[in-house]
Each structure stands twice: as C-alpha cells, then as structure tokens.
C-alpha cells in the first residue's frame, strides 16, 4: 500500500487497491523494479541510468535511499526488541529532523541551491 505516497495523482481506485494490499491496475512489475533501482541510486555514473529517459523519476537522487530504509528497519527492530515505544521513536526522528533543518540556516552553503 506504500505506493500511494509516491503517486502524483491518487485516485479512489488506487486507495481501494492499497486498502486491499493490491497494486493499482496501471502498475506493472517493471514499474516496481524501476522504483527499486532508483531507490538504490548512489549518484555514481550509470547508477539508475535510464529511469528519467523512460519517464520515471530518480527517487534516490544520489542518496541510496534503499540503504537508508534498510538501516531504519534495523533500528526499528532493535528498538522493538528492547520494548522502546514506536511513538517515542517517531518523536525522536521528528525532533532531530527539525533540529537539523533549523541548524541549516547556521551552516554557510547548506541552503537550497548550494553547490
């Protein structure tokens, strides 16, 4: 059902499919494959090549988002093992993400459009 978060225009049929744990009618396995490749884009030459040319977007943008999501899964598992509440984990993510954004103004060259 996570596919609805990346969709540009989500329809009622898309939401119904997500609720049922299904892919929408227009989504093919090749689309899922392209998404996974783009999530692993490390920004190196040739990584995720062709996704934009085929009409897809590069989700990773050089961040290796698949690796980030994998690490978050490990973190969540460890915290679950020590019975750390999910709400506190999410609160901590939000707190430090907002702290990082607030600190951006204090770092020269860290704003939008920086090289």
N, C-alpha and C. Protein backbone atom coordinates (compact mmCIF):
# COMPACT_ATOMS: atom_id res chain seq x y z
N UNK A 1 0.81 -1.22 0.00
CA UNK A 1 0.00 0.00 0.00
C UNK A 1 0.84 1.28 0.00
N UNK A 2 2.17 1.18 0.24
CA UNK A 2 3.03 2.36 0.32
C UNK A 2 3.11 3.11 -0.99
N UNK A 3 2.69 2.47 -2.10
CA UNK A 3 2.83 3.10 -3.41
C UNK A 3 2.06 4.42 -3.50
N UNK A 4 1.01 4.58 -2.71
CA UNK A 4 0.19 5.79 -2.83
C UNK A 4 0.95 7.04 -2.42
N UNK A 5 2.01 6.89 -1.62
CA UNK A 5 2.75 8.07 -1.17
C UNK A 5 3.60 8.68 -2.27
N UNK A 6 4.00 7.89 -3.25
CA UNK A 6 4.83 8.39 -4.32
C UNK A 6 4.05 8.76 -5.57
N UNK A 7 2.76 8.52 -5.57
CA UNK A 7 1.95 8.78 -6.76
C UNK A 7 1.63 10.26 -6.88
N UNK A 8 1.63 10.75 -8.11
CA UNK A 8 1.29 12.15 -8.34
C UNK A 8 -0.19 12.42 -8.12
N UNK A 9 -1.02 11.62 -8.75
CA UNK A 9 -2.47 11.79 -8.64
C UNK A 9 -3.06 10.48 -8.13
N UNK A 10 -3.45 10.43 -6.88
CA UNK A 10 -4.02 9.23 -6.30
C UNK A 10 -5.53 9.25 -6.50
N UNK A 11 -6.05 8.17 -7.08
CA UNK A 11 -7.49 8.07 -7.31
C UNK A 11 -8.14 7.21 -6.23
N UNK A 12 -9.46 7.22 -6.22
CA UNK A 12 -10.20 6.37 -5.28
C UNK A 12 -9.89 4.90 -5.54
N UNK A 13 -9.73 4.53 -6.81
CA UNK A 13 -9.39 3.14 -7.15
C UNK A 13 -8.01 2.77 -6.60
N UNK A 14 -7.07 3.72 -6.63
CA UNK A 14 -5.74 3.49 -6.08
C UNK A 14 -5.82 3.23 -4.57
N UNK A 15 -6.59 4.04 -3.89
CA UNK A 15 -6.75 3.88 -2.44
C UNK A 15 -7.43 2.56 -2.10
N UNK A 16 -8.42 2.19 -2.90
CA UNK A 16 -9.11 0.92 -2.69
C UNK A 16 -8.14 -0.24 -2.86
N UNK A 17 -7.29 -0.16 -3.89
CA UNK A 17 -6.28 -1.19 -4.11
C UNK A 17 -5.31 -1.24 -2.93
N UNK A 18 -4.87 -0.09 -2.45
CA UNK A 18 -3.95 -0.03 -1.32
C UNK A 18 -4.59 -0.65 -0.07
N UNK A 19 -5.85 -0.34 0.16
CA UNK A 19 -6.55 -0.88 1.32
C UNK A 19 -6.62 -2.41 1.25
N UNK A 20 -6.74 -2.93 0.04
CA UNK A 20 -6.78 -4.38 -0.15
C UNK A 20 -5.41 -5.02 -0.28
N UNK A 21 -4.35 -4.21 -0.14
CA UNK A 21 -3.00 -4.74 -0.26
C UNK A 21 -2.62 -5.10 -1.68
N UNK A 22 -3.24 -4.45 -2.66
CA UNK A 22 -3.01 -4.72 -4.07
C UNK A 22 -2.36 -3.52 -4.75
N UNK A 23 -1.77 -3.76 -5.90
CA UNK A 23 -1.26 -2.68 -6.74
C UNK A 23 -2.40 -2.13 -7.59
N UNK A 24 -2.36 -0.86 -7.94
CA UNK A 24 -3.38 -0.31 -8.83
C UNK A 24 -3.30 -0.98 -10.21
N UNK A 25 -4.37 -0.90 -10.96
CA UNK A 25 -4.47 -1.57 -12.26
C UNK A 25 -3.34 -1.17 -13.20
N UNK A 26 -2.89 0.07 -13.21
CA UNK A 26 -1.89 0.53 -14.16
C UNK A 26 -0.45 0.26 -13.78
N UNK A 27 -0.19 -0.30 -12.61
CA UNK A 27 1.17 -0.52 -12.14
C UNK A 27 1.63 -1.92 -12.53
N UNK A 28 2.79 -2.00 -13.16
CA UNK A 28 3.36 -3.28 -13.60
C UNK A 28 4.59 -3.62 -12.76
N UNK A 29 4.98 -4.86 -12.81
CA UNK A 29 6.17 -5.29 -12.07
C UNK A 29 7.41 -4.52 -12.53
N UNK A 30 7.46 -4.15 -13.80
CA UNK A 30 8.60 -3.36 -14.30
C UNK A 30 8.66 -2.00 -13.59
N UNK A 31 7.50 -1.43 -13.27
CA UNK A 31 7.46 -0.16 -12.53
C UNK A 31 8.06 -0.34 -11.14
N UNK A 32 7.73 -1.45 -10.51
CA UNK A 32 8.27 -1.73 -9.17
C UNK A 32 9.79 -1.90 -9.26
N UNK A 33 10.25 -2.60 -10.28
CA UNK A 33 11.69 -2.78 -10.47
C UNK A 33 12.41 -1.46 -10.66
N UNK A 34 11.84 -0.58 -11.50
CA UNK A 34 12.45 0.74 -11.72
C UNK A 34 12.50 1.55 -10.42
N UNK A 35 11.44 1.44 -9.61
CA UNK A 35 11.43 2.15 -8.34
C UNK A 35 12.56 1.65 -7.44
N UNK A 36 12.72 0.34 -7.35
CA UNK A 36 13.77 -0.21 -6.51
C UNK A 36 15.16 0.20 -6.98
N UNK A 37 15.37 0.20 -8.30
CA UNK A 37 16.66 0.64 -8.84
C UNK A 37 16.89 2.10 -8.50
N UNK A 38 15.87 2.93 -8.64
CA UNK A 38 16.05 4.36 -8.35
C UNK A 38 16.27 4.61 -6.87
N UNK A 39 15.71 3.76 -6.00
CA UNK A 39 15.94 3.90 -4.56
C UNK A 39 17.38 3.58 -4.20
N UNK A 40 18.05 2.79 -5.02
CA UNK A 40 19.44 2.41 -4.75
C UNK A 40 20.42 3.30 -5.50
N UNK A 41 19.94 4.35 -6.14
CA UNK A 41 20.79 5.27 -6.89
C UNK A 41 21.79 5.91 -5.94
N UNK A 42 23.07 5.67 -6.22
CA UNK A 42 24.12 6.24 -5.37
C UNK A 42 24.70 7.51 -5.95
N UNK A 43 24.18 7.92 -7.11
CA UNK A 43 24.69 9.12 -7.74
C UNK A 43 25.93 8.88 -8.58
N UNK A 44 26.38 7.63 -8.66
CA UNK A 44 27.55 7.29 -9.47
C UNK A 44 27.15 7.20 -10.93
N UNK A 45 28.10 7.36 -11.80
CA UNK A 45 27.83 7.26 -13.24
C UNK A 45 27.24 5.89 -13.56
N UNK A 46 26.10 5.91 -14.24
CA UNK A 46 25.46 4.67 -14.65
C UNK A 46 24.49 4.11 -13.64
N UNK A 47 24.49 4.59 -12.41
CA UNK A 47 23.56 4.07 -11.41
C UNK A 47 22.17 4.60 -11.69
N UNK A 48 21.25 3.70 -11.85
CA UNK A 48 19.87 4.10 -12.13
C UNK A 48 19.71 4.73 -13.50
N UNK A 49 20.65 4.49 -14.37
CA UNK A 49 20.64 5.13 -15.68
C UNK A 49 19.40 4.76 -16.46
N UNK A 50 18.82 5.73 -17.11
CA UNK A 50 17.69 5.50 -17.98
C UNK A 50 16.35 5.68 -17.33
N UNK A 51 16.27 5.78 -16.01
CA UNK A 51 14.98 5.91 -15.35
C UNK A 51 14.26 7.18 -15.81
N UNK A 52 15.01 8.29 -15.87
CA UNK A 52 14.36 9.54 -16.27
C UNK A 52 13.99 9.50 -17.75
N UNK A 53 14.84 8.89 -18.58
CA UNK A 53 14.58 8.82 -20.02
C UNK A 53 13.35 7.98 -20.33
N UNK A 54 13.03 7.03 -19.46
CA UNK A 54 11.87 6.17 -19.67
C UNK A 54 10.61 6.75 -19.03
N UNK A 55 10.69 7.97 -18.58
CA UNK A 55 9.52 8.62 -17.99
C UNK A 55 9.44 8.47 -16.48
N UNK A 56 10.39 7.77 -15.90
CA UNK A 56 10.38 7.60 -14.45
C UNK A 56 11.20 8.68 -13.79
N UNK A 57 11.07 8.77 -12.50
CA UNK A 57 11.83 9.75 -11.73
C UNK A 57 12.90 9.03 -10.94
N UNK A 58 14.00 9.67 -10.71
CA UNK A 58 15.04 9.11 -9.86
C UNK A 58 14.71 9.49 -8.43
N UNK A 59 14.19 8.55 -7.68
CA UNK A 59 13.76 8.81 -6.32
C UNK A 59 14.95 9.02 -5.41
N UNK A 60 16.01 8.22 -5.63
CA UNK A 60 17.15 8.26 -4.73
C UNK A 60 17.93 9.56 -4.81
N UNK A 61 18.16 10.08 -6.00
CA UNK A 61 18.90 11.32 -6.16
C UNK A 61 20.29 11.27 -5.57
N UNK A 62 20.94 10.10 -5.62
CA UNK A 62 22.29 10.01 -5.09
C UNK A 62 22.34 9.76 -3.60
N UNK A 63 21.22 9.40 -2.98
CA UNK A 63 21.19 9.22 -1.53
C UNK A 63 21.20 7.77 -1.09
N UNK A 64 21.13 6.83 -2.04
CA UNK A 64 20.99 5.41 -1.71
C UNK A 64 19.88 5.23 -0.68
N UNK A 65 18.69 5.68 -1.06
CA UNK A 65 17.55 5.64 -0.16
C UNK A 65 17.20 4.22 0.28
N UNK A 66 17.47 3.24 -0.56
CA UNK A 66 17.21 1.85 -0.18
C UNK A 66 18.07 1.48 1.04
N UNK A 67 19.31 1.93 1.05
CA UNK A 67 20.18 1.68 2.19
C UNK A 67 19.69 2.38 3.44
N UNK A 68 19.19 3.59 3.28
CA UNK A 68 18.65 4.34 4.42
C UNK A 68 17.45 3.61 5.00
N UNK A 69 16.52 3.19 4.13
CA UNK A 69 15.33 2.48 4.59
C UNK A 69 15.70 1.16 5.27
N UNK A 70 16.70 0.48 4.72
CA UNK A 70 17.17 -0.77 5.32
C UNK A 70 17.71 -0.51 6.73
N UNK A 71 18.51 0.52 6.88
CA UNK A 71 19.07 0.87 8.19
C UNK A 71 17.97 1.23 9.18
N UNK A 72 16.96 1.96 8.70
CA UNK A 72 15.85 2.30 9.58
C UNK A 72 15.11 1.05 10.05
N UNK A 73 15.03 0.06 9.18
CA UNK A 73 14.40 -1.21 9.56
C UNK A 73 15.18 -1.90 10.67
N UNK A 74 16.51 -1.91 10.54
CA UNK A 74 17.34 -2.48 11.60
C UNK A 74 17.13 -1.72 12.91
N UNK A 75 17.15 -0.41 12.83
CA UNK A 75 16.96 0.41 14.03
C UNK A 75 15.63 0.11 14.68
N UNK A 76 14.59 0.04 13.87
CA UNK A 76 13.26 -0.24 14.40
C UNK A 76 13.23 -1.61 15.08
N UNK A 77 13.85 -2.60 14.45
CA UNK A 77 13.89 -3.94 15.04
C UNK A 77 14.60 -3.96 16.38
N UNK A 78 15.73 -3.29 16.47
CA UNK A 78 16.48 -3.24 17.73
C UNK A 78 15.65 -2.56 18.81
N UNK A 79 15.03 -1.44 18.45
CA UNK A 79 14.23 -0.71 19.44
C UNK A 79 12.99 -1.52 19.85
N UNK A 80 12.42 -2.27 18.93
CA UNK A 80 11.30 -3.15 19.30
C UNK A 80 11.77 -4.23 20.27
N UNK A 81 12.97 -4.76 20.05
CA UNK A 81 13.49 -5.81 20.92
C UNK A 81 13.67 -5.32 22.35
N UNK A 82 14.01 -4.05 22.53
CA UNK A 82 14.17 -3.53 23.90
C UNK A 82 12.91 -2.84 24.39
N UNK A 83 11.82 -3.07 23.66
CA UNK A 83 10.49 -2.56 24.02
C UNK A 83 10.42 -1.03 24.08
N UNK A 84 11.16 -0.39 23.18
CA UNK A 84 11.11 1.07 23.06
C UNK A 84 9.87 1.42 22.25
N UNK A 85 8.96 2.23 22.79
CA UNK A 85 7.69 2.51 22.11
C UNK A 85 7.86 3.20 20.76
N UNK A 86 7.07 2.76 19.79
CA UNK A 86 7.10 3.32 18.44
C UNK A 86 6.86 4.83 18.46
N UNK A 87 5.94 5.29 19.28
CA UNK A 87 5.63 6.72 19.35
C UNK A 87 6.86 7.53 19.76
N UNK A 88 7.65 7.02 20.70
CA UNK A 88 8.86 7.74 21.12
C UNK A 88 9.92 7.73 20.02
N UNK A 89 10.00 6.61 19.27
CA UNK A 89 10.96 6.54 18.16
C UNK A 89 10.62 7.58 17.10
N UNK A 90 9.34 7.67 16.75
CA UNK A 90 8.92 8.65 15.75
C UNK A 90 9.10 10.08 16.25
N UNK A 91 8.84 10.29 17.54
CA UNK A 91 9.06 11.62 18.13
C UNK A 91 10.53 12.02 18.04
N UNK A 92 11.41 11.07 18.30
CA UNK A 92 12.86 11.35 18.24
C UNK A 92 13.27 11.70 16.81
N UNK A 93 12.76 10.95 15.82
CA UNK A 93 13.06 11.27 14.42
C UNK A 93 12.60 12.68 14.09
N UNK A 94 11.38 13.01 14.47
CA UNK A 94 10.84 14.34 14.17
C UNK A 94 11.65 15.43 14.86
N UNK A 95 12.00 15.20 16.11
CA UNK A 95 12.76 16.19 16.88
C UNK A 95 14.10 16.50 16.22
N UNK A 96 14.85 15.45 15.89
CA UNK A 96 16.19 15.68 15.35
C UNK A 96 16.17 16.09 13.89
N UNK A 97 15.13 15.71 13.16
CA UNK A 97 14.99 16.20 11.79
C UNK A 97 14.72 17.70 11.79
N UNK A 98 13.83 18.14 12.68
CA UNK A 98 13.54 19.58 12.74
C UNK A 98 14.75 20.34 13.28
N UNK A 99 15.49 19.75 14.19
CA UNK A 99 16.71 20.38 14.69
C UNK A 99 17.72 20.56 13.55
N UNK A 100 17.86 19.52 12.73
CA UNK A 100 18.78 19.59 11.59
C UNK A 100 18.37 20.67 10.61
N UNK A 101 17.08 20.78 10.36
CA UNK A 101 16.60 21.82 9.45
C UNK A 101 16.83 23.21 10.02
N UNK A 102 16.62 23.37 11.32
CA UNK A 102 16.82 24.66 11.96
C UNK A 102 18.30 25.07 11.91
N UNK A 103 19.19 24.10 12.05
CA UNK A 103 20.62 24.37 12.05
C UNK A 103 21.14 24.71 10.66
N UNK A 104 20.37 24.35 9.62
CA UNK A 104 20.81 24.60 8.24
C UNK A 104 21.10 26.09 8.02
N UNK A 105 20.31 26.94 8.61
CA UNK A 105 20.49 28.39 8.43
C UNK A 105 21.83 28.85 9.00
N UNK A 106 22.38 28.10 9.93
CA UNK A 106 23.65 28.49 10.55
C UNK A 106 24.87 27.97 9.81
N UNK A 107 24.65 27.08 8.82
CA UNK A 107 25.77 26.49 8.08
C UNK A 107 25.89 27.16 6.72
N UNK A 108 26.95 27.88 6.48
CA UNK A 108 27.13 28.53 5.17
C UNK A 108 27.14 27.50 4.05
N UNK A 109 26.41 27.78 2.99
CA UNK A 109 26.38 26.92 1.83
C UNK A 109 25.49 25.70 1.94
N UNK A 110 24.74 25.56 3.05
CA UNK A 110 23.91 24.36 3.23
C UNK A 110 22.48 24.58 2.77
N UNK A 111 22.15 25.76 2.33
CA UNK A 111 20.78 26.04 1.91
C UNK A 111 20.46 25.53 0.53
N UNK A 112 19.22 25.72 0.10
CA UNK A 112 18.82 25.29 -1.25
C UNK A 112 19.69 25.95 -2.31
N UNK A 113 20.07 25.18 -3.31
CA UNK A 113 20.86 25.72 -4.40
C UNK A 113 22.36 25.76 -4.12
N UNK A 114 22.74 25.25 -2.94
CA UNK A 114 24.17 25.26 -2.61
C UNK A 114 24.90 24.22 -3.44
N UNK A 115 26.13 24.50 -3.75
CA UNK A 115 26.93 23.55 -4.56
C UNK A 115 27.49 22.45 -3.70
